[in-house]
PDB file of N, CA and C in Angstrom:
ATOM      1  N   MET A   1       0.851  -1.178   0.000  1.00  0.00           N
ATOM      2  CA  MET A   1       0.000   0.000   0.000  1.00  0.00           C
ATOM      3  C   MET A   1       0.895   1.239   0.000  1.00  0.00           C
ATOM      4  N   PRO A   2       0.558   2.222  -0.837  1.00  0.00           N
ATOM      5  CA  PRO A   2       1.405   3.411  -0.903  1.00  0.00           C
ATOM      6  C   PRO A   2       1.325   4.228   0.386  1.00  0.00           C
ATOM      7  N   THR A   3       2.388   4.939   0.656  1.00  0.00           N
ATOM      8  CA  THR A   3       2.446   5.792   1.833  1.00  0.00           C
ATOM      9  C   THR A   3       1.911   7.171   1.477  1.00  0.00           C
ATOM     10  N   LEU A   4       1.148   7.738   2.375  1.00  0.00           N
ATOM     11  CA  LEU A   4       0.586   9.067   2.178  1.00  0.00           C
ATOM     12  C   LEU A   4       1.114   9.967   3.278  1.00  0.00           C
ATOM     13  N   LEU A   5       1.669  11.096   2.877  1.00  0.00           N
ATOM     14  CA  LEU A   5       2.181  12.046   3.859  1.00  0.00           C
ATOM     15  C   LEU A   5       1.299  13.280   3.887  1.00  0.00           C
ATOM     16  N   LEU A   6       0.857  13.620   5.089  1.00  0.00           N
ATOM     17  CA  LEU A   6       0.082  14.840   5.284  1.00  0.00           C
ATOM     18  C   LEU A   6       0.956  15.851   5.993  1.00  0.00           C
ATOM     19  N   ASN A   7       0.835  17.104   5.599  1.00  0.00           N
ATOM     20  CA  ASN A   7       1.582  18.126   6.340  1.00  0.00           C
ATOM     21  C   ASN A   7       0.885  18.331   7.681  1.00  0.00           C
ATOM     22  N   PRO A   8       1.529  19.012   8.632  1.00  0.00           N
ATOM     23  CA  PRO A   8       0.930  19.164   9.968  1.00  0.00           C
ATOM     24  C   PRO A   8      -0.464  19.805   9.948  1.00  0.00           C
ATOM     25  N   ALA A   9      -0.681  20.792   9.096  1.00  0.00           N
ATOM     26  CA  ALA A   9      -1.998  21.438   9.032  1.00  0.00           C
ATOM     27  C   ALA A   9      -3.055  20.456   8.535  1.00  0.00           C
ATOM     28  N   GLN A  10      -2.724  19.649   7.534  1.00  0.00           N
ATOM     29  CA  GLN A  10      -3.671  18.657   7.019  1.00  0.00           C
ATOM     30  C   GLN A  10      -3.957  17.590   8.072  1.00  0.00           C
ATOM     31  N   HIS A  11      -2.932  17.206   8.810  1.00  0.00           N
ATOM     32  CA  HIS A  11      -3.112  16.197   9.856  1.00  0.00           C
ATOM     33  C   HIS A  11      -4.054  16.720  10.942  1.00  0.00           C
ATOM     34  N   ARG A  12      -3.866  17.980  11.365  1.00  0.00           N
ATOM     35  CA  ARG A  12      -4.768  18.580  12.370  1.00  0.00           C
ATOM     36  C   ARG A  12      -6.194  18.664  11.824  1.00  0.00           C
ATOM     37  N   ARG A  13      -6.304  19.050  10.579  1.00  0.00           N
ATOM     38  CA  ARG A  13      -7.621  19.167   9.944  1.00  0.00           C
ATOM     39  C   ARG A  13      -8.318  17.812   9.882  1.00  0.00           C
ATOM     40  N   LEU A  14      -7.568  16.767   9.540  1.00  0.00           N
ATOM     41  CA  LEU A  14      -8.119  15.420   9.479  1.00  0.00           C
ATOM     42  C   LEU A  14      -8.574  14.957  10.856  1.00  0.00           C
ATOM     43  N   LYS A  15      -7.754  15.192  11.882  1.00  0.00           N
ATOM     44  CA  LYS A  15      -8.120  14.771  13.230  1.00  0.00           C
ATOM     45  C   LYS A  15      -9.367  15.497  13.723  1.00  0.00           C
ATOM     46  N   LYS A  16      -9.461  16.794  13.446  1.00  0.00           N
ATOM     47  CA  LYS A  16     -10.631  17.570  13.861  1.00  0.00           C
ATOM     48  C   LYS A  16     -11.883  17.077  13.131  1.00  0.00           C
ATOM     49  N   LEU A  17     -11.770  16.870  11.839  1.00  0.00           N
ATOM     50  CA  LEU A  17     -12.901  16.382  11.050  1.00  0.00           C
ATOM     51  C   LEU A  17     -13.357  15.016  11.550  1.00  0.00           C
ATOM     52  N   ALA A  18     -12.416  14.136  11.812  1.00  0.00           N
ATOM     53  CA  ALA A  18     -12.752  12.793  12.301  1.00  0.00           C
ATOM     54  C   ALA A  18     -13.473  12.872  13.640  1.00  0.00           C
ATOM     55  N   ARG A  19     -12.982  13.732  14.520  1.00  0.00           N
ATOM     56  CA  ARG A  19     -13.612  13.883  15.835  1.00  0.00           C
ATOM     57  C   ARG A  19     -15.057  14.374  15.678  1.00  0.00           C
ATOM     58  N   GLU A  20     -15.256  15.381  14.822  1.00  0.00           N
ATOM     59  CA  GLU A  20     -16.602  15.925  14.617  1.00  0.00           C
ATOM     60  C   GLU A  20     -17.537  14.902  13.963  1.00  0.00           C
ATOM     61  N   ALA A  21     -16.971  14.046  13.110  1.00  0.00           N
ATOM     62  CA  ALA A  21     -17.773  13.042  12.412  1.00  0.00           C
ATOM     63  C   ALA A  21     -17.993  11.790  13.258  1.00  0.00           C
ATOM     64  N   GLY A  22     -17.297  11.681  14.374  1.00  0.00           N
ATOM     65  CA  GLY A  22     -17.435  10.492  15.209  1.00  0.00           C
ATOM     66  C   GLY A  22     -16.754   9.277  14.605  1.00  0.00           C
ATOM     67  N   ARG A  23     -15.680   9.522  13.862  1.00  0.00           N
ATOM     68  CA  ARG A  23     -14.932   8.443  13.205  1.00  0.00           C
ATOM     69  C   ARG A  23     -13.461   8.552  13.569  1.00  0.00           C
ATOM     70  N   THR A  24     -12.717   7.544  13.202  1.00  0.00           N
ATOM     71  CA  THR A  24     -11.274   7.605  13.380  1.00  0.00           C
ATOM     72  C   THR A  24     -10.676   8.384  12.211  1.00  0.00           C
ATOM     73  N   PRO A  25      -9.472   8.939  12.394  1.00  0.00           N
ATOM     74  CA  PRO A  25      -8.817   9.599  11.268  1.00  0.00           C
ATOM     75  C   PRO A  25      -8.620   8.660  10.075  1.00  0.00           C
ATOM     76  N   GLU A  26      -8.355   7.394  10.335  1.00  0.00           N
ATOM     77  CA  GLU A  26      -8.159   6.431   9.258  1.00  0.00           C
ATOM     78  C   GLU A  26      -9.440   6.244   8.449  1.00  0.00           C
ATOM     79  N   GLN A  27     -10.573   6.158   9.140  1.00  0.00           N
ATOM     80  CA  GLN A  27     -11.861   6.030   8.442  1.00  0.00           C
ATOM     81  C   GLN A  27     -12.176   7.295   7.651  1.00  0.00           C
ATOM     82  N   THR A  28     -11.888   8.430   8.235  1.00  0.00           N
ATOM     83  CA  THR A  28     -12.201   9.714   7.611  1.00  0.00           C
ATOM     84  C   THR A  28     -11.331   9.982   6.403  1.00  0.00           C
ATOM     85  N   LEU A  29     -10.088   9.552   6.451  1.00  0.00           N
ATOM     86  CA  LEU A  29      -9.155   9.807   5.358  1.00  0.00           C
ATOM     87  C   LEU A  29      -9.676   9.258   4.039  1.00  0.00           C
ATOM     88  N   ARG A  30     -10.320   8.132   4.084  1.00  0.00           N
ATOM     89  CA  ARG A  30     -10.879   7.524   2.866  1.00  0.00           C
ATOM     90  C   ARG A  30     -11.822   8.495   2.156  1.00  0.00           C
ATOM     91  N   PHE A  31     -12.679   9.157   2.927  1.00  0.00           N
ATOM     92  CA  PHE A  31     -13.640  10.096   2.352  1.00  0.00           C
ATOM     93  C   PHE A  31     -12.957  11.392   1.909  1.00  0.00           C
ATOM     94  N   VAL A  32     -11.965  11.828   2.675  1.00  0.00           N
ATOM     95  CA  VAL A  32     -11.227  13.042   2.306  1.00  0.00           C
ATOM     96  C   VAL A  32     -10.486  12.826   0.992  1.00  0.00           C
ATOM     97  N   LEU A  33      -9.894  11.661   0.823  1.00  0.00           N
ATOM     98  CA  LEU A  33      -9.189  11.383  -0.435  1.00  0.00           C
ATOM     99  C   LEU A  33     -10.157  11.347  -1.612  1.00  0.00           C
ATOM    100  N   ARG A  34     -11.342  10.826  -1.383  1.00  0.00           N
ATOM    101  CA  ARG A  34     -12.328  10.728  -2.453  1.00  0.00           C
ATOM    102  C   ARG A  34     -12.976  12.075  -2.761  1.00  0.00           C
ATOM    103  N   ASP A  35     -13.360  12.828  -1.700  1.00  0.00           N
ATOM    104  CA  ASP A  35     -14.199  14.013  -1.878  1.00  0.00           C
ATOM    105  C   ASP A  35     -13.522  15.334  -1.553  1.00  0.00           C
ATOM    106  N   GLY A  36     -12.400  15.295  -0.863  1.00  0.00           N
ATOM    107  CA  GLY A  36     -11.701  16.526  -0.475  1.00  0.00           C
ATOM    108  C   GLY A  36     -12.129  17.013   0.902  1.00  0.00           C
ATOM    109  N   PHE A  37     -11.233  17.783   1.513  1.00  0.00           N
ATOM    110  CA  PHE A  37     -11.504  18.305   2.850  1.00  0.00           C
ATOM    111  C   PHE A  37     -12.731  19.212   2.867  1.00  0.00           C
ATOM    112  N   ASP A  38     -12.800  20.151   1.924  1.00  0.00           N
ATOM    113  CA  ASP A  38     -13.881  21.141   1.952  1.00  0.00           C
ATOM    114  C   ASP A  38     -15.250  20.477   1.926  1.00  0.00           C
ATOM    115  N   PHE A  39     -15.446  19.524   1.020  1.00  0.00           N
ATOM    116  CA  PHE A  39     -16.745  18.857   0.930  1.00  0.00           C
ATOM    117  C   PHE A  39     -17.029  18.053   2.196  1.00  0.00           C
ATOM    118  N   CYS A  40     -16.056  17.316   2.685  1.00  0.00           N
ATOM    119  CA  CYS A  40     -16.269  16.494   3.888  1.00  0.00           C
ATOM    120  C   CYS A  40     -16.603  17.364   5.101  1.00  0.00           C
ATOM    121  N   GLU A  41     -15.920  18.488   5.236  1.00  0.00           N
ATOM    122  CA  GLU A  41     -16.215  19.389   6.350  1.00  0.00           C
ATOM    123  C   GLU A  41     -17.626  19.972   6.217  1.00  0.00           C
ATOM    124  N   TRP A  42     -18.001  20.357   5.013  1.00  0.00           N
ATOM    125  CA  TRP A  42     -19.353  20.875   4.785  1.00  0.00           C
ATOM    126  C   TRP A  42     -20.392  19.802   5.123  1.00  0.00           C
ATOM    127  N   GLU A  43     -20.145  18.590   4.653  1.00  0.00           N
ATOM    128  CA  GLU A  43     -21.094  17.502   4.868  1.00  0.00           C
ATOM    129  C   GLU A  43     -21.280  17.199   6.354  1.00  0.00           C
ATOM    130  N   VAL A  44     -20.194  17.204   7.115  1.00  0.00           N
ATOM    131  CA  VAL A  44     -20.295  16.950   8.557  1.00  0.00           C
ATOM    132  C   VAL A  44     -21.049  18.091   9.231  1.00  0.00           C
ATOM    133  N   ARG A  45     -20.745  19.345   8.869  1.00  0.00           N
ATOM    134  CA  ARG A  45     -21.475  20.485   9.449  1.00  0.00           C
ATOM    135  C   ARG A  45     -22.970  20.382   9.172  1.00  0.00           C
ATOM    136  N   GLU A  46     -23.329  20.058   7.929  1.00  0.00           N
ATOM    137  CA  GLU A  46     -24.748  19.952   7.564  1.00  0.00           C
ATOM    138  C   GLU A  46     -25.423  18.797   8.298  1.00  0.00           C
ATOM    139  N   SER A  47     -24.737  17.695   8.435  1.00  0.00           N
ATOM    140  CA  SER A  47     -25.296  16.540   9.136  1.00  0.00           C
ATOM    141  C   SER A  47     -25.536  16.857  10.608  1.00  0.00           C
ATOM    142  N   LEU A  48     -24.574  17.521  11.237  1.00  0.00           N
ATOM    143  CA  LEU A  48     -24.738  17.900  12.646  1.00  0.00           C
ATOM    144  C   LEU A  48     -25.869  18.911  12.805  1.00  0.00           C
ATOM    145  N   ALA A  49     -25.992  19.846  11.862  1.00  0.00           N
ATOM    146  CA  ALA A  49     -27.076  20.827  11.918  1.00  0.00           C
ATOM    147  C   ALA A  49     -28.433  20.137  11.755  1.00  0.00           C
ATOM    148  N   ALA A  50     -28.515  19.163  10.856  1.00  0.00           N
ATOM    149  CA  ALA A  50     -29.771  18.428  10.653  1.00  0.00           C
ATOM    150  C   ALA A  50     -30.139  17.629  11.898  1.00  0.00           C
ATOM    151  N   ASP A  51     -29.149  16.996  12.515  1.00  0.00           N
ATOM    152  CA  ASP A  51     -29.408  16.246  13.748  1.00  0.00           C
ATOM    153  C   ASP A  51     -29.913  17.173  14.844  1.00  0.00           C
ATOM    154  N   SER A  52     -29.298  18.339  14.956  1.00  0.00           N
ATOM    155  CA  SER A  52     -29.698  19.310  15.964  1.00  0.00           C
ATOM    156  C   SER A  52     -31.118  19.806  15.700  1.00  0.00           C
ATOM    157  N   ASP A  53     -31.426  20.087  14.448  1.00  0.00           N
ATOM    158  CA  ASP A  53     -32.765  20.547  14.088  1.00  0.00           C
ATOM    159  C   ASP A  53     -33.814  19.483  14.389  1.00  0.00           C
ATOM    160  N   ALA A  54     -33.503  18.238  14.075  1.00  0.00           N
ATOM    161  CA  ALA A  54     -34.435  17.142  14.354  1.00  0.00           C
ATOM    162  C   ALA A  54     -34.660  16.982  15.854  1.00  0.00           C
ATOM    163  N   ALA A  55     -33.598  17.143  16.628  1.00  0.00           N
ATOM    164  CA  ALA A  55     -33.735  17.033  18.084  1.00  0.00           C
ATOM    165  C   ALA A  55     -34.566  18.184  18.638  1.00  0.00           C
ATOM    166  N   ARG A  56     -34.387  19.367  18.060  1.00  0.00           N
ATOM    167  CA  ARG A  56     -35.090  20.557  18.546  1.00  0.00           C
ATOM    168  C   ARG A  56     -36.563  20.570  18.111  1.00  0.00           C
ATOM    169  N   HIS A  57     -36.834  20.200  16.868  1.00  0.00           N
ATOM    170  CA  HIS A  57     -38.180  20.324  16.333  1.00  0.00           C
ATOM    171  C   HIS A  57     -38.913  18.997  16.147  1.00  0.00           C
ATOM    172  N   GLY A  58     -38.225  17.907  16.308  1.00  0.00           N
ATOM    173  CA  GLY A  58     -38.847  16.602  16.123  1.00  0.00           C
ATOM    174  C   GLY A  58     -38.842  16.193  14.658  1.00  0.00           C
ATOM    175  N   THR A  59     -39.368  15.035  14.404  1.00  0.00           N
ATOM    176  CA  THR A  59     -39.410  14.499  13.049  1.00  0.00           C
ATOM    177  C   THR A  59     -40.830  14.046  12.721  1.00  0.00           C
ATOM    178  N   ILE A  60     -41.064  13.777  11.452  1.00  0.00           N
ATOM    179  CA  ILE A  60     -42.355  13.274  10.984  1.00  0.00           C
ATOM    180  C   ILE A  60     -42.099  11.924  10.331  1.00  0.00           C
ATOM    181  N   SER A  61     -42.941  10.966  10.620  1.00  0.00           N
ATOM    182  CA  SER A  61     -42.733   9.634  10.048  1.00  0.00           C
ATOM    183  C   SER A  61     -42.954   9.665   8.543  1.00  0.00           C
ATOM    184  N   ASN A  62     -42.319   8.748   7.862  1.00  0.00           N
ATOM    185  CA  ASN A  62     -42.458   8.633   6.417  1.00  0.00           C
ATOM    186  C   ASN A  62     -43.910   8.386   6.032  1.00  0.00           C
ATOM    187  N   ASP A  63     -44.615   7.559   6.793  1.00  0.00           N
ATOM    188  CA  ASP A  63     -46.026   7.271   6.509  1.00  0.00           C
ATOM    189  C   ASP A  63     -46.878   8.537   6.602  1.00  0.00           C
ATOM    190  N   ASP A  64     -46.616   9.368   7.616  1.00  0.00           N
ATOM    191  CA  ASP A  64     -47.374  10.610   7.759  1.00  0.00           C
ATOM    192  C   ASP A  64     -47.113  11.559   6.588  1.00  0.00           C
ATOM    193  N   VAL A  65     -45.877  11.646   6.151  1.00  0.00           N
ATOM    194  CA  VAL A  65     -45.539  12.505   5.013  1.00  0.00           C
ATOM    195  C   VAL A  65     -46.221  12.003   3.747  1.00  0.00           C
ATOM    196  N   ARG A  66     -46.211  10.700   3.531  1.00  0.00           N
ATOM    197  CA  ARG A  66     -46.863  10.130   2.346  1.00  0.00           C
ATOM    198  C   ARG A  66     -48.369  10.395   2.355  1.00  0.00           C
ATOM    199  N   ARG A  67     -48.967  10.216   3.527  1.00  0.00           N
ATOM    200  CA  ARG A  67     -50.413  10.462   3.640  1.00  0.00           C
ATOM    201  C   ARG A  67     -50.741  11.924   3.328  1.00  0.00           C
ATOM    202  N   ALA A  68     -49.960  12.839   3.894  1.00  0.00           N
ATOM    203  CA  ALA A  68     -50.204  14.266   3.663  1.00  0.00           C
ATOM    204  C   ALA A  68     -49.991  14.624   2.192  1.00  0.00           C
ATOM    205  N   ALA A  69     -48.965  14.070   1.574  1.00  0.00           N
ATOM    206  CA  ALA A  69     -48.702  14.342   0.157  1.00  0.00           C
ATOM    207  C   ALA A  69     -49.834  13.791  -0.707  1.00  0.00           C
ATOM    208  N   SER A  70     -50.301  12.594  -0.401  1.00  0.00           N
ATOM    209  CA  SER A  70     -51.409  12.006  -1.170  1.00  0.00           C
ATOM    210  C   SER A  70     -52.668  12.840  -1.044  1.00  0.00           C
ATOM    211  N   MET A  71     -52.949  13.320   0.157  1.00  0.00           N
ATOM    212  CA  MET A  71     -54.131  14.154   0.362  1.00  0.00           C
ATOM    213  C   MET A  71     -54.000  15.471  -0.408  1.00  0.00           C
ATOM    214  N   LEU A  72     -52.840  16.047  -0.412  1.00  0.00           N
ATOM    215  CA  LEU A  72     -52.606  17.297  -1.132  1.00  0.00           C
ATOM    216  C   LEU A  72     -52.780  17.107  -2.636  1.00  0.00           C
ATOM    217  N   ILE A  73     -52.236  16.030  -3.156  1.00  0.00           N
ATOM    218  CA  ILE A  73     -52.354  15.735  -4.588  1.00  0.00           C
ATOM    219  C   ILE A  73     -53.814  15.474  -4.954  1.00  0.00           C
ATOM    220  N   GLU A  74     -54.495  14.696  -4.142  1.00  0.00           N
ATOM    221  CA  GLU A  74     -55.908  14.394  -4.408  1.00  0.00           C
ATOM    222  C   GLU A  74     -56.743  15.662  -4.355  1.00  0.00           C
ATOM    223  N   SER A  75     -56.456  16.533  -3.418  1.00  0.00           N
ATOM    224  CA  SER A  75     -57.178  17.796  -3.309  1.00  0.00           C
ATOM    225  C   SER A  75     -56.966  18.653  -4.555  1.00  0.00           C
ATOM    226  N   ALA A  76     -55.750  18.710  -5.057  1.00  0.00           N
ATOM    227  CA  ALA A  76     -55.462  19.485  -6.272  1.00  0.00           C
ATOM    228  C   ALA A  76     -56.194  18.891  -7.472  1.00  0.00           C
ATOM    229  N   HIS A  77     -56.214  17.585  -7.581  1.00  0.00           N
ATOM    230  CA  HIS A  77     -56.936  16.930  -8.687  1.00  0.00           C
ATOM    231  C   HIS A  77     -58.447  17.174  -8.584  1.00  0.00           C
ATOM    232  N   ALA A  78     -58.970  17.157  -7.358  1.00  0.00           N
ATOM    233  CA  ALA A  78     -60.401  17.389  -7.171  1.00  0.00           C
ATOM    234  C   ALA A  78     -60.768  18.801  -7.580  1.00  0.00           C
ATOM    235  N   ARG A  79     -59.921  19.785  -7.251  1.00  0.00           N
ATOM    236  CA  ARG A  79     -60.185  21.176  -7.651  1.00  0.00           C
ATOM    237  C   ARG A  79     -60.188  21.298  -9.167  1.00  0.00           C
ATOM    238  N   ARG A  80     -59.241  20.638  -9.819  1.00  0.00           N
ATOM    239  CA  ARG A  80     -59.182  20.697 -11.288  1.00  0.00           C
ATOM    240  C   ARG A  80     -60.432  20.073 -11.919  1.00  0.00           C
ATOM    241  N   ARG A  81     -60.846  18.942 -11.347  1.00  0.00           N
ATOM    242  CA  ARG A  81     -62.045  18.283 -11.879  1.00  0.00           C
ATOM    243  C   ARG A  81     -63.274  19.180 -11.694  1.00  0.00           C
ATOM    244  N   LYS A  82     -63.336  19.840 -10.530  1.00  0.00           N
ATOM    245  CA  LYS A  82     -64.460  20.718 -10.223  1.00  0.00           C
ATOM    246  C   LYS A  82     -64.457  21.935 -11.167  1.00  0.00           C
ATOM    247  N   GLN A  83     -63.289  22.501 -11.450  1.00  0.00           N
ATOM    248  CA  GLN A  83     -63.185  23.657 -12.350  1.00  0.00           C
ATOM    249  C   GLN A  83     -63.516  23.268 -13.791  1.00  0.00           C
ATOM    250  N   ALA A  84     -63.150  22.060 -14.168  1.00  0.00           N
ATOM    251  CA  ALA A  84     -63.419  21.599 -15.539  1.00  0.00           C
ATOM    252  C   ALA A  84     -64.899  21.336 -15.760  1.00  0.00           C
ATOM    253  N   ALA A  85     -65.614  21.037 -14.699  1.00  0.00           N
ATOM    254  CA  ALA A  85     -67.052  20.695 -14.834  1.00  0.00           C
ATOM    255  C   ALA A  85     -67.932  21.897 -14.987  1.00  0.00           C
TER     256      ALA A  85
END
């Protein structure tokens, strides 16, 4: 396996990113090599923000969302049918 050398700033950045992502630096490095530091850092920030928002405001079950979407679609179709008549 080839050796990869990170400069001290990259090593600190990797360790910080891994800590925030709840992973080891070795696990995180795979994603950094594939996607780059900037994208991985953005993705972790967005994921943590989404988790925080869900904890603060709660979540809606998939079944409830599907039911509401179906009712909305049916209501729109009923209005169109009523206007066409």
